[in-house]
Protein backbone atom coordinates (compact mmCIF):
# COMPACT_ATOMS: atom_id res chain seq x y z
CA UNK A 1 111.64 95.55 120.57
CA UNK A 2 110.68 98.73 122.38
CA UNK A 3 107.46 100.58 121.66
CA UNK A 4 109.51 103.36 120.07
CA UNK A 5 111.22 100.89 117.74
CA UNK A 6 107.88 99.34 116.79
CA UNK A 7 106.40 102.70 115.89
CA UNK A 8 109.43 103.78 113.85
CA UNK A 9 109.33 100.47 112.02
CA UNK A 10 105.63 100.87 111.25
CA UNK A 11 106.04 104.36 109.78
CA UNK A 12 108.99 103.15 107.69
CA UNK A 13 106.86 100.33 106.29
CA UNK A 14 104.01 102.76 105.55
CA UNK A 15 106.40 105.04 103.64
CA UNK A 16 107.96 102.14 101.72
CA UNK A 17 104.57 100.68 100.79
CA UNK A 18 103.49 103.91 99.07
CA UNK A 19 99.78 103.09 99.33
CA UNK A 20 98.21 106.48 100.01
CA UNK A 21 94.69 105.26 99.26
CA UNK A 22 94.85 103.06 102.38
CA UNK A 23 94.80 106.12 104.63
CA UNK A 24 92.50 109.07 105.13
CA UNK A 25 94.45 110.56 108.05
CA UNK A 26 97.93 109.37 108.94
CA UNK A 27 98.83 110.51 112.42
CA UNK A 28 101.96 112.61 112.81
CA UNK A 29 104.84 110.25 113.51
CA UNK A 30 106.13 112.54 116.25
CA UNK A 31 102.84 112.19 118.14
CA UNK A 32 102.90 108.41 117.89
CA UNK A 33 106.54 108.37 118.98
CA UNK A 34 105.66 110.49 122.02
CA UNK A 35 103.08 107.89 123.03
CA UNK A 36 105.67 105.15 122.51
CA UNK A 37 108.28 106.97 124.60
CA UNK A 38 105.79 107.29 127.44
CA UNK A 39 105.19 103.54 127.33
CA UNK A 40 108.89 102.78 127.23
CA UNK A 41 109.38 104.95 130.32
CA UNK A 42 106.98 102.85 132.42
CA UNK A 43 108.29 100.58 135.13
CA UNK A 44 108.29 96.81 134.65
CA UNK A 45 105.00 96.26 136.49
CA UNK A 46 103.17 98.90 134.46
CA UNK A 47 104.59 97.55 131.21
CA UNK A 48 103.52 94.01 132.13
CA UNK A 49 99.98 95.27 132.67
CA UNK A 50 99.80 96.36 129.02
CA UNK A 51 99.58 93.23 126.85
CA UNK A 52 99.60 95.23 123.61
CA UNK A 53 102.61 97.35 124.55
CA UNK A 54 103.74 99.20 121.44
CA UNK A 55 101.39 97.41 119.06
CA UNK A 56 100.49 99.65 116.13
CA UNK A 57 96.82 100.04 115.23
CA UNK A 58 94.95 101.48 112.25
CA UNK A 59 91.32 102.56 112.76
CA UNK A 60 88.59 102.75 110.14
CA UNK A 61 87.53 106.35 109.64
CA UNK A 62 84.03 105.84 110.96
CA UNK A 63 85.32 105.15 114.48
CA UNK A 64 86.40 108.03 116.70
CA UNK A 65 89.96 108.66 117.81
CA UNK A 66 90.35 111.78 119.94
CA UNK A 67 92.08 114.59 118.06
CA UNK A 68 91.83 112.94 114.63
CA UNK A 69 89.01 113.82 112.21
CA UNK A 70 86.21 111.31 111.72
CA UNK A 71 85.07 111.72 108.11
CA UNK A 72 83.43 108.42 107.10
CA UNK A 73 85.23 109.03 103.77
CA UNK A 74 83.17 112.18 103.23
CA UNK A 75 85.25 115.33 103.91
CA UNK A 76 82.16 117.53 104.27
CA UNK A 77 80.95 115.28 107.10
CA UNK A 78 84.16 115.65 109.10
CA UNK A 79 84.27 116.39 112.80
CA UNK A 80 87.06 116.04 115.32
CA UNK A 81 86.02 114.13 118.44
CA UNK A 82 87.35 114.86 121.89
CA UNK A 83 86.85 111.25 123.03
CA UNK A 84 88.10 108.00 121.59
CA UNK A 85 85.54 105.27 120.95
CA UNK A 86 85.60 102.79 123.86
CA UNK A 87 86.51 99.85 121.63
CA UNK A 88 89.66 101.67 120.52
CA UNK A 89 90.35 103.17 123.93
CA UNK A 90 90.55 99.70 125.45
CA UNK A 91 93.28 98.81 122.96
CA UNK A 92 95.11 102.03 123.79
CA UNK A 93 94.78 101.32 127.51
CA UNK A 94 96.42 97.95 126.82
CA UNK A 95 99.43 99.70 125.27
CA UNK A 96 98.47 99.96 121.61
CA UNK A 97 99.35 103.07 119.57
CA UNK A 98 97.03 104.43 116.89
CA UNK A 99 98.92 105.44 113.74
CA UNK A 100 96.06 106.58 111.55
CA UNK A 101 92.54 106.41 110.16
CA UNK A 102 91.85 104.19 107.16
CA UNK A 103 89.89 104.51 103.94
CA UNK A 104 86.53 102.82 103.41
CA UNK A 105 83.35 102.71 101.40
CA UNK A 106 81.76 106.05 102.26
CA UNK A 107 79.60 105.87 105.40
CA UNK A 108 80.49 102.14 105.46
CA UNK A 109 77.90 101.55 102.73
CA UNK A 110 79.22 98.88 100.40
CA UNK A 111 81.46 95.84 100.30
CA UNK A 112 83.89 96.84 97.57
CA UNK A 113 86.22 99.44 99.12
CA UNK A 114 85.85 101.70 96.08
CA UNK A 115 83.22 104.27 97.11
CA UNK A 116 85.57 106.91 98.44
CA UNK A 117 86.81 110.34 97.30
CA UNK A 118 90.25 109.23 98.49
CA UNK A 119 90.37 106.58 95.78
CA UNK A 120 89.47 102.93 95.47
CA UNK A 121 91.45 100.74 97.83
CA UNK A 122 93.39 98.21 95.78
CA UNK A 123 94.03 94.64 96.79
CA UNK A 124 97.21 94.17 98.81
CA UNK A 125 98.87 92.26 95.94
CA UNK A 126 96.80 92.50 92.76
CA UNK A 127 96.44 96.16 91.83
CA UNK A 128 93.62 95.51 89.36
CA UNK A 129 91.40 93.97 92.06
CA UNK A 130 89.17 95.69 94.59
CA UNK A 131 90.24 95.13 98.18
CA UNK A 132 86.67 94.62 99.37
CA UNK A 133 85.00 96.77 101.95
CA UNK A 134 83.80 98.70 103.69
CA UNK A 135 86.88 98.29 105.94
CA UNK A 136 89.17 98.11 102.92
CA UNK A 137 91.95 100.31 104.24
CA UNK A 138 92.10 98.49 107.57
CA UNK A 139 92.31 95.09 105.88
CA UNK A 140 95.02 96.14 103.43
CA UNK A 141 97.03 97.82 106.21
CA UNK A 142 97.13 94.47 107.99
CA UNK A 143 97.66 92.41 104.86
CA UNK A 144 100.68 94.51 103.87
CA UNK A 145 102.12 94.32 107.39
CA UNK A 146 101.89 98.08 107.90
CA UNK A 147 100.29 97.68 111.34
CA UNK A 148 99.89 94.95 113.93
CA UNK A 149 96.11 95.34 114.26
CA UNK A 150 93.30 97.25 112.62
CA UNK A 151 89.84 98.24 113.77
CA UNK A 152 86.97 97.88 111.32
CA UNK A 153 83.21 97.85 111.42
CA UNK A 154 80.79 95.21 110.22
CA UNK A 155 77.03 95.56 109.85
CA UNK A 156 76.72 93.26 106.86
CA UNK A 157 80.19 91.86 106.17
CA UNK A 158 82.22 95.06 105.97
CA UNK A 159 85.12 93.66 107.97
CA UNK A 160 84.98 90.02 106.88
CA UNK A 161 84.90 90.49 103.09
CA UNK A 162 88.14 92.52 102.84
CA UNK A 163 89.78 90.22 105.38
CA UNK A 164 89.10 87.26 103.10
CA UNK A 165 90.62 88.98 100.07
CA UNK A 166 93.63 90.10 102.11
CA UNK A 167 94.29 86.70 103.66
CA UNK A 168 93.89 88.04 107.20
CA UNK A 169 91.62 87.36 110.17
CA UNK A 170 88.52 89.34 111.12
CA UNK A 171 86.48 88.78 114.26
CA UNK A 172 82.94 90.12 114.58
CA UNK A 173 81.73 89.45 118.09
CA UNK A 174 78.11 88.93 119.07
CA UNK A 175 76.30 92.25 118.68
CA UNK A 176 76.85 94.57 121.63
CA UNK A 177 79.72 92.62 123.20
CA UNK A 178 82.05 95.28 121.77
CA UNK A 179 80.55 98.75 122.19
CA UNK A 180 79.73 100.57 118.94
CA UNK A 181 79.57 103.94 120.67
CA UNK A 182 81.77 106.45 118.88
CA UNK A 183 81.17 104.84 115.48
CA UNK A 184 79.22 106.49 112.67
CA UNK A 185 76.10 104.31 112.33
CA UNK A 186 75.49 102.33 109.16
CA UNK A 187 72.64 100.04 110.18
CA UNK A 188 71.81 100.85 113.79
CA UNK A 189 71.22 97.70 115.79
CA UNK A 190 73.35 95.68 113.38
CA UNK A 191 76.58 97.69 113.66
CA UNK A 192 79.60 95.99 115.18
CA UNK A 193 83.12 97.27 115.78
CA UNK A 194 85.53 94.53 114.74
CA UNK A 195 89.21 93.64 114.75
CA UNK A 196 91.48 92.57 111.90
CA UNK A 197 94.86 90.93 112.42
CA UNK A 198 97.37 88.78 110.53
CA UNK A 199 96.66 85.74 112.70
CA UNK A 200 93.87 84.29 114.80
CA UNK A 201 95.53 84.43 118.22
CA UNK A 202 96.44 88.10 117.89
CA UNK A 203 92.91 88.91 116.79
CA UNK A 204 91.38 86.87 119.61
CA UNK A 205 93.51 88.60 122.23
CA UNK A 206 92.55 92.03 120.88
CA UNK A 207 88.80 91.38 120.67
CA UNK A 208 88.87 90.09 124.25
CA UNK A 209 90.34 93.41 125.36
CA UNK A 210 87.76 95.38 123.35
CA UNK A 211 84.81 93.46 124.77
CA UNK A 212 82.84 94.48 127.82
CA UNK A 213 79.78 96.46 128.86
CA UNK A 214 79.63 100.17 128.13
CA UNK A 215 77.21 102.05 130.40
CA UNK A 216 76.93 104.85 127.81
CA UNK A 217 75.90 102.52 124.99
CA UNK A 218 72.25 101.41 125.21
CA UNK A 219 72.97 98.49 122.86
CA UNK A 220 75.92 97.23 124.90
CA UNK A 221 75.64 93.69 126.27
CA UNK A 222 77.55 91.66 128.82
CA UNK A 223 78.55 88.03 128.57
CA UNK A 224 75.79 85.89 130.09
CA UNK A 225 77.01 83.54 132.83
CA UNK A 226 76.05 80.49 130.78
CA UNK A 227 77.96 81.50 127.64
CA UNK A 228 79.97 78.50 126.41
CA UNK A 229 83.64 78.60 127.30
CA UNK A 230 84.65 76.84 124.08
CA UNK A 231 83.78 74.17 121.58
CA UNK A 232 83.26 70.50 122.49
CA UNK A 233 86.14 68.16 121.75
CA UNK A 234 84.23 66.81 118.75
CA UNK A 235 82.07 69.74 117.64
CA UNK A 236 79.20 69.31 115.22
CA UNK A 237 79.59 71.82 112.40
CA UNK A 238 76.95 72.55 109.77
CA UNK A 239 78.54 72.56 106.33
CA UNK A 240 76.23 73.05 103.35
CA UNK A 241 76.76 70.81 100.35
CA UNK A 242 78.38 72.26 97.25
CA UNK A 243 75.05 72.50 95.46
CA UNK A 244 73.87 74.88 98.18
CA UNK A 245 76.75 77.32 97.74
CA UNK A 246 75.92 79.65 94.86
CA UNK A 247 78.23 82.14 93.13
CA UNK A 248 81.50 80.31 93.82
CA UNK A 249 84.09 79.42 91.21
CA UNK A 250 85.17 75.80 90.82
CA UNK A 251 88.45 76.63 92.54
CA UNK A 252 86.64 78.24 95.46
CA UNK A 253 84.37 75.22 95.81
CA UNK A 254 87.44 72.99 95.94
CA UNK A 255 89.09 75.23 98.54
CA UNK A 256 85.94 75.16 100.66
CA UNK A 257 85.72 71.37 100.40
CA UNK A 258 89.37 71.15 101.48
CA UNK A 259 88.65 73.38 104.49
CA UNK A 260 85.70 71.19 105.48
CA UNK A 261 87.88 68.09 105.13
CA UNK A 262 90.56 69.62 107.36
CA UNK A 263 87.91 70.34 109.93
CA UNK A 264 86.65 66.78 109.78
CA UNK A 265 90.20 65.47 110.15
CA UNK A 266 90.40 67.21 113.54
CA UNK A 267 87.49 65.10 114.81
CA UNK A 268 84.64 67.47 114.04
CA UNK A 269 81.36 65.96 112.84
CA UNK A 270 80.01 67.62 109.69
CA UNK A 271 76.26 67.91 109.15
CA UNK A 272 74.37 69.20 106.11
CA UNK A 273 72.22 72.33 106.30
CA UNK A 274 69.78 74.13 104.01
CA UNK A 275 71.04 77.70 103.57
CA UNK A 276 67.84 79.04 102.02
CA UNK A 277 66.52 80.98 105.04
CA UNK A 278 69.97 82.45 105.73
CA UNK A 279 70.40 83.71 102.19
CA UNK A 280 66.84 85.01 101.93
CA UNK A 281 67.29 87.02 105.10
CA UNK A 282 70.54 88.43 103.76
CA UNK A 283 68.71 89.77 100.75
CA UNK A 284 66.39 91.70 103.07
CA UNK A 285 69.39 93.66 104.33
CA UNK A 286 70.38 94.71 100.81
CA UNK A 287 67.10 94.82 98.93
CA UNK A 288 64.39 95.12 101.56
CA UNK A 289 63.03 97.93 103.68
CA UNK A 290 65.54 97.31 106.47
CA UNK A 291 67.88 99.65 104.60
CA UNK A 292 65.71 102.48 105.92
CA UNK A 293 68.20 102.50 108.79
CA UNK A 294 70.76 103.90 106.37
CA UNK A 295 68.60 106.96 105.79
CA UNK A 296 68.01 107.32 109.52
CA UNK A 297 71.79 107.37 110.03
CA UNK A 298 72.96 109.88 107.42
CA UNK A 299 69.95 110.75 105.27
CA UNK A 300 69.59 114.36 106.38
CA UNK A 301 73.26 115.00 105.65
CA UNK A 302 73.04 113.35 102.24
CA UNK A 303 69.98 115.41 101.31
CA UNK A 304 71.69 118.61 102.38
CA UNK A 305 75.05 117.86 100.69
CA UNK A 306 74.28 115.97 97.46
CA UNK A 307 77.49 117.06 95.73
CA UNK A 308 79.65 115.88 98.65
CA UNK A 309 78.46 112.28 98.53
CA UNK A 310 79.55 109.38 96.33
CA UNK A 311 76.84 108.93 93.66
CA UNK A 312 76.23 105.26 94.44
CA UNK A 313 76.10 105.90 98.19
CA UNK A 314 73.80 108.88 97.70
CA UNK A 315 71.39 106.88 95.56
CA UNK A 316 71.24 104.08 98.14
CA UNK A 317 70.61 106.45 101.03
CA UNK A 318 68.01 108.55 99.23
CA UNK A 319 66.10 105.45 98.10
CA UNK A 320 66.11 104.24 101.70
CA UNK A 321 64.37 107.46 102.68
CA UNK A 322 61.41 106.65 100.44
CA UNK A 323 60.52 103.45 102.31
CA UNK A 324 57.43 103.42 104.51
CA UNK A 325 57.07 102.27 108.09
CA UNK A 326 54.65 99.61 106.87
CA UNK A 327 57.27 98.19 104.50
CA UNK A 328 59.89 98.29 107.26
CA UNK A 329 57.71 96.45 109.74
CA UNK A 330 56.73 93.83 107.16
CA UNK A 331 60.36 93.08 106.37
CA UNK A 332 61.31 93.06 110.04
CA UNK A 333 58.58 90.50 110.65
CA UNK A 334 59.82 88.44 107.70
CA UNK A 335 63.37 88.62 109.04
CA UNK A 336 62.23 87.35 112.44
CA UNK A 337 60.45 84.41 110.80
CA UNK A 338 63.53 83.53 108.74
CA UNK A 339 65.74 83.82 111.81
CA UNK A 340 63.54 81.38 113.72
CA UNK A 341 63.54 78.95 110.81
CA UNK A 342 67.31 79.18 110.28
CA UNK A 343 68.31 78.86 113.92
CA UNK A 344 65.80 76.04 114.44
CA UNK A 345 67.53 74.17 111.61
CA UNK A 346 70.91 74.65 113.32
CA UNK A 347 69.50 73.44 116.61
CA UNK A 348 67.73 70.46 115.04
CA UNK A 349 71.02 69.44 113.44
CA UNK A 350 72.72 69.67 116.83
CA UNK A 351 75.23 72.04 115.26
CA UNK A 352 77.65 73.95 117.45
CA UNK A 353 78.71 76.16 114.53
CA UNK A 354 78.21 76.87 110.84
CA UNK A 355 81.02 76.92 108.28
CA UNK A 356 80.64 79.04 105.12
CA UNK A 357 82.82 80.66 102.48
CA UNK A 358 83.39 84.22 103.60
CA UNK A 359 82.56 85.74 100.24
CA UNK A 360 82.37 85.15 96.51
CA UNK A 361 84.92 85.90 93.77
CA UNK A 362 87.10 88.98 94.12
CA UNK A 363 86.09 91.56 91.49
CA UNK A 364 88.30 93.77 89.41
CA UNK A 365 88.08 97.51 89.85
CA UNK A 366 86.68 97.64 86.32
CA UNK A 367 83.90 95.19 87.20
CA UNK A 368 82.96 97.20 90.27
CA UNK A 369 82.77 100.40 88.22
CA UNK A 370 80.51 98.68 85.69
CA UNK A 371 78.09 97.31 88.31
CA UNK A 372 78.76 98.84 91.73
CA UNK A 373 75.53 97.77 93.42
CA UNK A 374 75.31 94.28 91.96
CA UNK A 375 78.95 93.54 92.75
CA UNK A 376 78.56 94.62 96.35
CA UNK A 377 75.46 92.46 96.79
CA UNK A 378 77.27 89.40 95.45
CA UNK A 379 80.16 89.94 97.86
CA UNK A 380 77.76 89.97 100.81
CA UNK A 381 75.98 86.76 99.88
CA UNK A 382 77.37 84.81 102.86
CA UNK A 383 77.70 87.69 105.33
CA UNK A 384 74.65 89.94 105.34
CA UNK A 385 72.37 87.70 107.39
CA UNK A 386 74.68 87.20 110.37
CA UNK A 387 74.01 90.36 112.38
CA UNK A 388 70.33 90.15 111.53
CA UNK A 389 70.39 86.70 113.14
CA UNK A 390 72.54 87.91 116.07
CA UNK A 391 75.41 85.57 115.23
CA UNK A 392 79.10 85.77 116.08
CA UNK A 393 81.55 85.33 113.21
CA UNK A 394 85.25 84.53 112.89
CA UNK A 395 86.63 84.91 109.37
CA UNK A 396 89.97 83.20 108.69
CA UNK A 397 92.25 82.37 105.75
CA UNK A 398 91.68 78.81 104.53
CA UNK A 399 93.94 78.29 101.54
CA UNK A 400 93.95 79.80 98.07
CA UNK A 401 91.67 79.84 95.05
CA UNK A 402 91.79 81.63 91.71
CA UNK A 403 95.27 82.96 92.42
CA UNK A 404 94.29 84.72 95.66
CA UNK A 405 93.63 84.00 99.33
CA UNK A 406 90.45 82.07 100.08
CA UNK A 407 88.62 82.60 103.34
CA UNK A 408 85.98 80.83 105.39
CA UNK A 409 83.87 82.04 108.27
CA UNK A 410 82.79 80.15 111.36
CA UNK A 411 79.47 81.40 112.72
CA UNK A 412 77.66 80.61 115.96
CA UNK A 413 74.49 81.76 117.63
CA UNK A 414 74.71 84.72 120.02
CA UNK A 415 77.38 84.47 122.73
CA UNK A 416 78.95 81.41 121.12
CA UNK A 417 82.01 83.50 120.25
CA UNK A 418 84.49 81.20 122.00
CA UNK A 419 83.03 78.22 120.19
CA UNK A 420 83.56 80.00 116.88
CA UNK A 421 87.16 80.75 117.81
CA UNK A 422 87.86 77.11 118.70
CA UNK A 423 86.36 75.82 115.46
CA UNK A 424 88.23 78.46 113.45
CA UNK A 425 91.51 77.28 114.99
CA UNK A 426 90.83 73.84 113.51
CA UNK A 427 90.24 75.05 109.98
CA UNK A 428 92.48 78.04 109.33
CA UNK A 429 95.68 77.84 107.34
CA UNK A 430 97.05 81.09 108.85
């Protein structure tokens, strides 16, 4: 299929799907077709040098694409960048074609996909369910087959949670491996630009293209020379016992046990692990003073434009502005202590990776409306600690539970990304 045919097919699927809440800005089809025609006109050698030739990509609307507004789901915040974020540009340089910007929890604050003036993003199949967020639109665009790939962000689970509900793959590399320049900050230092795809191999190929140092990003990092090239033939994987996995339904517990059994059947050795320090650290991201970073990112705008901001988002940001430096430093110190304790436990167990459910039960839109903050916190139970601990994460489909896709995440310590990919290949049902 030519690039032109792929683009036409994508826009036809978008029209047929009739899911306007997925998009904030849909690029003009004629512009995307012009890009496709230019690719189709290349000679064979130039085409071969573009491994994503004609692949269609959706981009969360906190990440810049030149010529398209970046709004972070807040129209009053909009600006139109002249440069594309490097993570997206590397996909474009590999032959991908951006078709639009997707809806999200405003300023990427939240894990429900409902905090947007463009409407709550519904689950790909069950209209009464929230799609999860913040990268809700990107995940649903992939889950519905509207695009080949989607770019998201993930400071605390924003890409992984909606991927789990949509039955798709999300990869969050070690912090800084993919440049976050050109992305509206949510939690500076924890922000990651991620990829979502229908399958693991497509996602892995895309994240490899996105990775690499960015001299204009002070938080960019390069692969160290001693980074593991992959998992051992019989990896040791930490898998907490069922009694250490709160907030799961019985069906989800059974699906997780089945995923762990599949992993063991491949020759992996499973070891028990106490999740307490991981979960306690995650609560610091939601409930502690570390959320002061949210005020640092967009607080001045929120204060100046109270009527332009989602009420839940505004309340979170304004409360973050009331925190003191003393509180922030105390929680940062506590986070460091919990990180040391948690990673020591992984090392003492000889674990190459950690397997967890990606998230908890998928809420209805009604439940989110009744308790927006509490619902979001529950969805991040197994995700919020990972960037705080500088871990890589690969979230994959792993069966079904409660009438919907069920997902697990493989986590490793920093720069163990290829290990996480190898272990995820053993466990996924995608």
